Protein backbone atom coordinates (compact mmCIF):
# COMPACT_ATOMS: atom_id res chain seq x y z
CA MET A 1 114.09 72.75 166.32
CA ALA A 2 110.46 73.84 165.69
CA SER A 3 108.15 73.95 168.67
CA GLU A 4 105.02 71.80 169.01
CA LYS A 5 102.93 74.92 168.39
CA ASP A 6 104.62 75.59 165.09
CA TYR A 7 104.07 71.95 164.03
CA LEU A 8 100.33 72.11 164.78
CA LEU A 9 99.95 75.37 162.83
CA GLN A 10 101.71 73.84 159.84
CA LEU A 11 99.47 70.73 159.95
CA SER A 12 96.32 72.87 160.14
CA SER A 13 97.41 74.89 157.13
CA ARG A 14 97.86 71.74 155.04
CA ARG A 15 94.39 70.44 155.91
CA GLY A 16 92.75 73.73 154.77
CA ASN A 17 94.49 73.69 151.37
CA PRO A 18 94.46 70.14 150.00
CA PRO A 19 96.61 69.37 146.93
CA ARG A 20 95.06 70.30 143.50
CA LYS A 21 93.83 67.63 141.03
CA SER A 22 95.81 67.28 137.83
CA PRO A 23 94.25 68.55 134.46
CA VAL A 24 94.11 64.93 133.20
CA VAL A 25 91.89 63.88 136.10
CA LYS A 26 89.59 66.88 135.58
CA SER A 27 89.18 66.13 131.85
CA LEU A 28 88.39 62.50 132.57
CA VAL A 29 85.66 63.44 135.03
CA VAL A 30 84.04 65.87 132.55
CA PHE A 31 84.18 63.30 129.70
CA ILE A 32 82.51 60.61 131.82
CA SER A 33 79.77 63.02 132.99
CA VAL A 34 78.93 64.22 129.47
CA GLY A 35 78.93 60.69 128.10
CA PHE A 36 76.50 59.56 130.78
CA ILE A 37 74.12 62.43 129.91
CA VAL A 38 74.24 61.66 126.16
CA VAL A 39 73.59 57.96 126.66
CA THR A 40 70.66 58.73 128.97
CA ILE A 41 69.02 61.09 126.44
CA ALA A 42 69.56 58.65 123.54
CA TRP A 43 68.01 55.76 125.47
CA THR A 44 65.01 57.90 126.46
CA CYS A 45 64.36 58.91 122.80
CA PHE A 46 64.72 55.32 121.61
CA SER A 47 62.25 54.08 124.20
CA PHE A 48 59.78 56.81 123.19
CA LEU A 49 59.92 55.87 119.49
CA GLN A 50 59.28 52.20 120.28
CA GLN A 51 56.03 52.90 122.14
CA PRO A 52 52.58 53.39 120.54
CA HIS A 53 51.52 57.01 120.34
CA PRO A 54 48.33 58.96 119.72
CA SER A 55 47.56 59.61 116.08
CA TYR A 56 48.65 63.22 116.19
CA VAL A 57 52.10 62.18 117.45
CA THR A 58 52.34 59.50 114.75
CA ASP A 59 51.57 62.15 112.12
CA LEU A 60 54.35 64.34 113.48
CA LEU A 61 56.82 61.46 113.29
CA ALA A 62 55.79 60.13 109.88
CA MET A 63 54.79 63.42 108.19
CA PRO A 64 53.37 61.90 104.98
CA ASN A 65 53.73 64.15 101.93
CA MET A 66 55.06 66.91 104.14
CA THR A 67 58.36 68.69 103.86
CA SER A 68 58.25 70.55 107.17
CA LEU A 69 56.37 70.74 110.43
CA SER A 70 54.92 74.11 109.39
CA GLU A 71 53.18 72.40 106.47
CA LEU A 72 51.76 69.64 108.70
CA VAL A 73 50.12 72.11 111.07
CA CYS A 74 48.99 74.25 108.14
CA SER A 75 50.99 77.42 108.27
CA LYS A 76 49.34 80.77 107.65
CA ASP A 77 50.67 80.84 104.09
CA VAL A 78 49.28 77.37 103.27
CA ALA A 79 45.89 78.14 104.79
CA ASP A 80 45.60 81.57 103.15
CA PRO A 81 42.83 81.33 100.50
CA ARG A 82 44.58 84.02 98.50
CA HIS A 83 47.38 81.51 97.82
CA THR A 84 45.22 78.46 97.17
CA LEU A 85 43.13 77.37 94.17
CA THR A 86 39.46 76.67 94.89
CA ARG A 87 38.22 73.24 93.85
CA ILE A 88 35.19 73.04 91.52
CA TYR A 89 35.11 69.30 90.82
CA ASP A 90 37.15 66.08 90.62
CA LEU A 91 36.04 63.37 88.18
CA PRO A 92 37.84 60.02 87.81
CA PHE A 93 38.67 59.02 84.23
CA ALA A 94 37.20 55.58 84.86
CA ALA A 95 33.76 57.12 85.52
CA LEU A 96 33.70 59.37 82.46
CA THR A 97 33.44 56.77 79.71
CA ARG A 98 32.04 53.28 79.28
CA GLN A 99 35.33 52.18 77.76
CA ARG A 100 37.69 50.61 80.24
CA GLU A 101 41.46 50.58 80.52
CA ALA A 102 43.65 49.10 83.24
CA LYS A 103 45.01 52.51 84.20
CA PHE A 104 44.68 56.19 83.27
CA GLU A 105 48.09 57.80 83.75
CA ALA A 106 46.95 61.21 82.54
CA SER A 107 49.75 63.49 81.37
CA ASP A 108 48.18 66.51 79.62
CA VAL A 109 44.91 68.17 78.66
CA THR A 110 43.68 70.79 76.19
CA ILE A 111 40.37 72.33 75.13
CA VAL A 112 39.53 72.75 71.43
CA ASN A 113 36.20 74.27 70.30
CA GLY A 114 34.57 73.44 73.61
CA THR A 115 35.74 69.81 73.70
CA ILE A 116 38.28 68.47 76.18
CA TYR A 117 41.09 66.21 74.92
CA ALA A 118 43.48 64.41 77.28
CA VAL A 119 46.40 62.04 76.79
CA CYS A 120 47.82 59.39 79.08
CA ASP A 121 51.40 58.19 78.85
CA SER A 122 50.07 54.69 79.49
CA SER A 123 47.59 54.66 76.58
CA TRP A 124 47.67 54.99 72.79
CA GLY A 125 44.10 56.29 72.83
CA ILE A 126 43.10 59.92 73.30
CA SER A 127 40.35 60.77 75.78
CA LYS A 128 37.62 63.06 74.46
CA PHE A 129 35.14 64.67 76.87
CA ALA A 130 32.23 67.06 76.62
CA ARG A 131 33.02 70.55 77.97
CA ASN A 132 31.24 69.90 81.25
CA ALA A 133 32.98 66.47 81.45
CA TYR A 134 30.05 65.19 83.48
CA PRO A 135 29.42 61.41 83.57
CA PRO A 136 27.79 59.56 82.05
CA SER A 137 27.75 61.03 78.53
CA GLU A 138 27.88 59.55 75.06
CA ASP A 139 30.20 62.43 74.15
CA ASN A 140 32.84 61.10 76.52
CA LYS A 141 34.93 58.46 74.80
CA LEU A 142 38.39 57.06 74.21
CA ILE A 143 39.20 57.64 70.54
CA GLY A 144 41.85 56.27 68.22
CA PRO A 145 43.03 52.91 66.92
CA PRO A 146 45.82 52.30 69.45
CA LEU A 147 47.18 49.09 67.92
CA MET A 148 47.27 50.42 64.36
CA ILE A 149 48.96 53.66 65.40
CA GLN A 150 51.39 51.78 67.60
CA ASN A 151 52.38 49.52 64.71
CA ARG A 152 53.06 52.46 62.38
CA LEU A 153 55.20 54.51 64.72
CA GLN A 154 58.90 54.06 65.33
CA HIS A 155 60.35 53.17 68.72
CA THR A 156 57.06 51.76 70.05
CA GLN A 157 57.59 49.69 73.15
CA GLY A 158 54.79 49.21 75.66
CA ASP A 159 53.10 52.42 76.76
CA SER A 160 52.62 55.39 74.44
CA GLY A 161 54.77 57.85 76.35
CA TYR A 162 52.35 60.64 75.36
CA GLU A 163 53.32 63.63 77.53
CA ALA A 164 51.67 66.67 75.94
CA ILE A 165 48.92 67.63 73.49
CA PHE A 166 47.81 70.82 71.76
CA GLU A 167 46.05 71.79 68.53
CA PHE A 168 47.10 74.16 65.76
CA GLY A 169 45.47 74.64 62.35
CA GLY A 170 43.24 71.59 62.75
CA VAL A 171 46.21 69.30 63.50
CA PHE A 172 46.85 67.82 66.95
CA TYR A 173 50.46 67.75 68.08
CA VAL A 174 51.35 65.07 70.63
CA VAL A 175 54.75 65.03 72.32
CA ARG A 176 56.19 61.64 73.20
CA GLU A 177 58.78 60.91 75.88
CA SER A 178 62.34 61.10 74.60
CA VAL A 179 64.02 58.20 72.82
CA ASN A 180 67.83 58.21 72.82
CA MET A 181 67.82 61.62 74.57
CA HIS A 182 65.51 63.26 71.98
CA ALA A 183 61.76 63.89 72.28
CA ILE A 184 59.41 62.95 69.44
CA ILE A 185 56.49 65.03 68.17
CA LEU A 186 53.56 63.38 66.36
CA GLU A 187 51.10 65.14 64.09
CA LEU A 188 47.62 63.59 64.21
CA SER A 189 44.30 64.21 62.46
CA LEU A 190 41.38 63.63 64.84
CA THR A 191 37.81 62.81 63.89
CA ASP A 192 34.82 62.19 66.11
CA ASP A 193 35.73 58.59 66.87
CA ASN A 194 39.19 58.08 65.48
CA TYR A 195 42.55 59.63 64.70
CA GLU A 196 45.03 59.23 61.89
CA TYR A 197 48.79 59.44 61.92
CA ILE A 198 50.26 62.20 59.73
CA GLN A 199 53.92 62.58 60.60
CA GLU A 200 56.54 61.87 63.26
CA CYS A 201 59.54 64.19 63.74
CA THR A 202 62.39 64.12 66.26
CA CYS A 203 63.47 67.17 68.27
CA ASP A 204 67.08 68.33 67.88
CA PHE A 205 67.28 69.33 71.54
CA GLU A 206 69.30 66.71 73.40
CA PHE A 207 68.42 65.90 76.99
CA LYS A 208 71.15 65.22 79.49
CA ASP A 209 69.60 62.14 81.06
CA ILE A 210 67.94 58.96 79.79
CA ASN A 211 64.12 58.85 79.53
CA LYS A 212 63.71 62.55 80.26
CA GLY A 213 61.89 64.84 77.90
CA PHE A 214 59.23 67.50 77.59
CA GLU A 215 56.39 67.27 80.12
CA GLY A 216 54.24 69.92 78.48
CA ALA A 217 54.03 71.88 75.23
CA VAL A 218 52.12 74.70 73.56
CA GLY A 219 52.35 76.09 70.04
CA PHE A 220 52.03 79.52 68.42
CA PRO A 221 52.66 80.80 64.88
CA ASP A 222 55.07 83.65 64.22
CA SER A 223 54.22 86.65 62.04
CA ASP A 224 54.89 84.52 58.92
CA GLY A 225 52.55 81.76 60.09
CA VAL A 226 55.38 79.35 61.00
CA LEU A 227 54.47 77.22 64.01
CA HIS A 228 56.81 77.38 67.02
CA ILE A 229 56.49 74.78 69.76
CA LEU A 230 57.43 75.63 73.34
CA GLY A 231 58.49 72.45 75.15
CA LEU A 232 58.61 72.42 78.95
CA CYS A 233 61.45 70.42 80.49
CA GLU A 234 60.46 68.22 83.43
CA GLY A 235 63.61 68.63 85.52
CA ASN A 236 65.52 71.71 86.59
CA ASP A 237 68.01 72.71 83.89
CA CYS A 238 66.39 69.98 81.72
CA ARG A 239 68.05 67.33 83.89
CA ASP A 240 66.66 64.28 85.62
CA LYS A 241 64.94 65.73 88.70
CA LYS A 242 66.53 63.02 90.88
CA MET A 243 70.03 64.14 89.90
CA LYS A 244 69.56 67.81 90.73
CA SER A 245 69.42 69.63 94.04
CA LYS A 246 66.08 69.70 95.81
CA VAL A 247 66.24 73.48 95.57
CA GLY A 248 64.33 74.36 92.39
CA GLY A 249 64.10 77.47 90.29
CA GLU A 250 66.02 76.31 87.21
CA GLY A 251 63.07 75.62 84.90
CA ARG A 252 63.55 75.74 81.13
CA VAL A 253 61.33 76.06 78.04
CA VAL A 254 62.74 75.14 74.64
CA ILE A 255 61.39 77.01 71.59
CA MET A 256 61.48 74.94 68.37
CA LYS A 257 60.38 75.16 64.74
CA LYS A 258 60.10 72.39 62.15
CA SER A 259 62.70 71.94 59.43
CA THR A 260 63.32 69.34 56.75
CA ASP A 261 66.59 68.32 55.14
CA ALA A 262 68.05 65.36 53.26
CA VAL A 263 70.05 64.09 56.24
CA LYS A 264 67.64 64.35 59.19
CA GLY A 265 64.36 64.41 57.30
CA CYS A 266 61.76 66.32 59.30
CA HIS A 267 62.99 67.54 62.68
CA TRP A 268 62.27 70.26 65.22
CA GLU A 269 65.29 72.55 65.43
CA THR A 270 66.02 74.51 68.60
CA VAL A 271 65.47 78.25 68.25
CA ARG A 272 66.07 79.33 71.86
CA VAL A 273 66.14 78.01 75.41
CA VAL A 274 64.21 80.30 77.76
CA HIS A 275 64.70 80.37 81.53
CA ILE A 276 61.64 80.26 83.78
CA PRO A 277 62.05 82.83 86.60
CA LYS A 278 63.34 81.56 89.93
CA SER A 279 60.06 82.52 91.60
CA ALA A 280 58.82 79.21 90.13
CA ALA A 281 61.11 77.38 92.55
CA PHE A 282 59.68 73.92 91.87
CA LYS A 283 61.34 70.52 92.20
CA ASP A 284 59.79 69.52 88.88
CA TYR A 285 57.69 71.04 86.08
CA SER A 286 54.74 68.97 84.89
CA SER A 287 52.72 71.06 82.41
CA ILE A 288 52.41 74.43 80.70
CA ASP A 289 49.66 76.50 79.11
CA ILE A 290 49.82 79.98 77.60
CA THR A 291 46.78 81.86 76.34
CA SER A 292 46.63 83.84 73.11
CA SER A 293 46.84 87.02 75.19
CA GLY A 294 50.03 85.89 76.90
CA ARG A 295 48.91 84.57 80.29
CA ALA A 296 50.97 81.58 81.43
CA ALA A 297 50.47 78.71 83.88
CA ILE A 298 53.13 76.15 84.81
CA SER A 299 52.29 73.32 87.19
CA SER A 300 54.46 71.17 89.44
CA GLN A 301 53.61 67.63 90.46
CA GLU A 302 55.97 67.37 93.42
CA SER A 303 55.29 70.86 94.73
CA SER A 304 51.50 70.49 94.19
CA SER A 305 51.41 74.07 92.97
CA VAL A 306 50.94 76.20 89.88
CA TRP A 307 52.96 79.25 88.87
CA LEU A 308 50.99 82.02 87.13
CA SER A 309 52.59 84.80 85.14
CA ALA A 310 52.41 86.86 81.98
CA VAL A 311 54.77 86.62 79.02
CA SER A 312 56.21 89.12 76.60
CA GLY A 313 56.50 88.19 72.95
CA ILE A 314 52.97 86.80 72.44
CA SER A 315 50.14 89.02 71.24
CA ASN A 316 46.81 87.95 69.73
CA GLY A 317 48.07 84.40 69.47
CA VAL A 318 51.21 85.31 67.50
CA ILE A 319 54.72 84.75 68.90
CA ASP A 320 57.93 86.64 68.36
CA PRO A 321 60.42 83.93 69.38
CA THR A 322 63.31 86.39 69.53
CA VAL A 323 61.83 88.36 72.43
CA PHE A 324 59.67 85.76 74.18
CA GLU A 325 60.19 85.83 77.96
CA PHE A 326 58.32 85.10 81.16
CA ARG A 327 57.56 88.24 83.18
CA ASP A 328 58.46 87.67 86.80
CA GLU A 329 57.06 90.95 88.11
CA SER A 330 53.49 89.74 87.57
CA SER A 331 53.99 86.17 88.81
CA SER A 332 52.44 84.29 91.75
CA VAL A 333 52.46 80.74 93.11
CA LEU A 334 49.18 79.07 94.08
CA ARG A 335 48.84 75.75 95.87
CA PHE A 336 46.40 73.06 94.93
CA PRO A 337 43.92 72.54 97.80
CA ARG A 338 44.93 70.44 100.83
CA ASN A 339 42.62 68.19 102.84
CA GLU A 340 41.23 69.00 106.27
CA HIS A 341 44.48 67.84 107.89
CA CYS A 342 46.51 70.03 105.53
CA HIS A 343 47.97 67.01 103.75
CA THR A 344 48.82 67.18 100.05
CA VAL A 345 46.16 65.26 98.09
CA TYR A 346 46.72 66.61 94.56
CA CYS A 347 50.03 64.75 94.38
CA ASN A 348 50.21 64.02 90.65
CA ILE A 349 49.00 66.99 88.60
CA GLU A 350 50.47 66.38 85.12
CA GLY A 351 48.36 68.58 82.83
CA ILE A 352 47.04 72.13 83.09
CA HIS A 353 44.92 74.30 80.78
CA PHE A 354 43.10 77.63 81.10
CA ILE A 355 39.31 77.29 80.93
CA SER A 356 39.07 81.07 81.25
CA ASP A 357 41.11 83.86 82.82
CA ASP A 358 39.98 82.80 86.29
CA MET A 359 39.57 79.01 85.91
CA LEU A 360 41.97 76.12 85.33
CA LEU A 361 41.45 72.56 84.10
CA ALA A 362 43.88 69.86 85.23
CA VAL A 363 44.48 66.12 84.94
CA SER A 364 46.35 63.84 87.32
CA ASP A 365 48.59 60.83 86.90
CA ARG A 366 48.28 57.52 88.73
CA VAL A 367 49.61 57.35 92.31
CA LYS A 368 53.14 55.97 92.43
CA ASP A 369 53.39 52.46 93.81
CA ALA A 370 55.99 50.60 95.89
CA GLY A 371 55.62 53.06 98.73
CA ARG A 372 56.94 56.02 96.73
CA GLN A 373 53.83 58.05 97.61
CA ASP A 374 51.45 58.00 100.54
CA ARG A 375 48.16 56.17 99.95
CA ILE A 376 46.29 59.44 100.53
CA CYS A 377 47.49 60.48 97.05
CA SER A 378 45.15 57.91 95.48
CA GLU A 379 42.11 60.01 96.46
CA LYS A 380 42.67 62.39 93.53
CA ASP A 381 44.73 60.36 91.07
CA GLN A 382 43.73 59.40 87.49
CA SER A 383 41.15 62.21 87.40
CA ILE A 384 40.18 65.44 85.71
CA HIS A 385 39.86 68.54 87.91
CA ALA A 386 38.61 72.10 87.69
CA PHE A 387 39.70 75.02 89.90
CA VAL A 388 38.95 78.70 90.38
CA ILE A 389 41.89 81.08 90.52
CA PRO A 390 41.52 83.44 93.54
């Protein structure tokens, strides 16, 4: 039989080494502890968001027109003047002429013999401005017989759908938004106060989505004098921009020339589809201009930027469509100016045109309603703008 001393030693040993907890109990304790921490943090964040905050905190939470915090606080790249166009002027369409329309949804602009011509996809008229575009001026007017032209054209429903304009050989070419997946090109003869309809031809190129088409266009003759039109697709890969990834860089330009046959009548057949380099990584493509010496500008509405480059295959205003390409090695992306808080204010640039090698002319669409754009975008909408290239 064990002695009393041995019994006390055994009891002491048990007290110093209590039995271990099971793994199930340990896991339960950890789960409850972590859950309590998560619930506490979530409740704290919820309470913070429900309280009123200083304006700078509200801006950080809402971030209107911003895609990242670095843009809101004006990152070094955004603030760098070497990467930003310099504003010369902004002039609202409504102040340029005495003629009034309910809206000026400007979509493209060109300069011919010192006169500015602009189209709006909401109007059947064509805006004509003096070179300085300064109001008021008798030279600034809305020309054209909208109702008569509208009645003569096919597929006319509501707004004009005018998306692009350029001039070649005394004829103005106006590109309309696509109908049944195909864009339409009008040929117009403009006078001082009026314009006459010449011809309407459909483009063979078929878009992949309804109501998408060319957002910009320019034209050049080849060595035989045959006009080739370069149509800029709005969406990446010529798709609806809402159906593609937000990562851009899949821009396309379609080269076309006019043909006539007994089946189709007049139509613009596709010659080539040219890829825009991925350095123009835009979410959308809103306008294009190319000079006779081969300098190119492509704007983006959503990115509020313009891509500048040179092209091969255009020399002295003549195009070789077989070798036409955009040259990425000489390209750069410039932002349209931001406001003092670094917010995007040029939200709707739809037309772009070279005034000279170091100046650009632009026009802007109407701000999108129903909360699709911040109200700050209305500061520069429905206007004509001029910028200096740094």
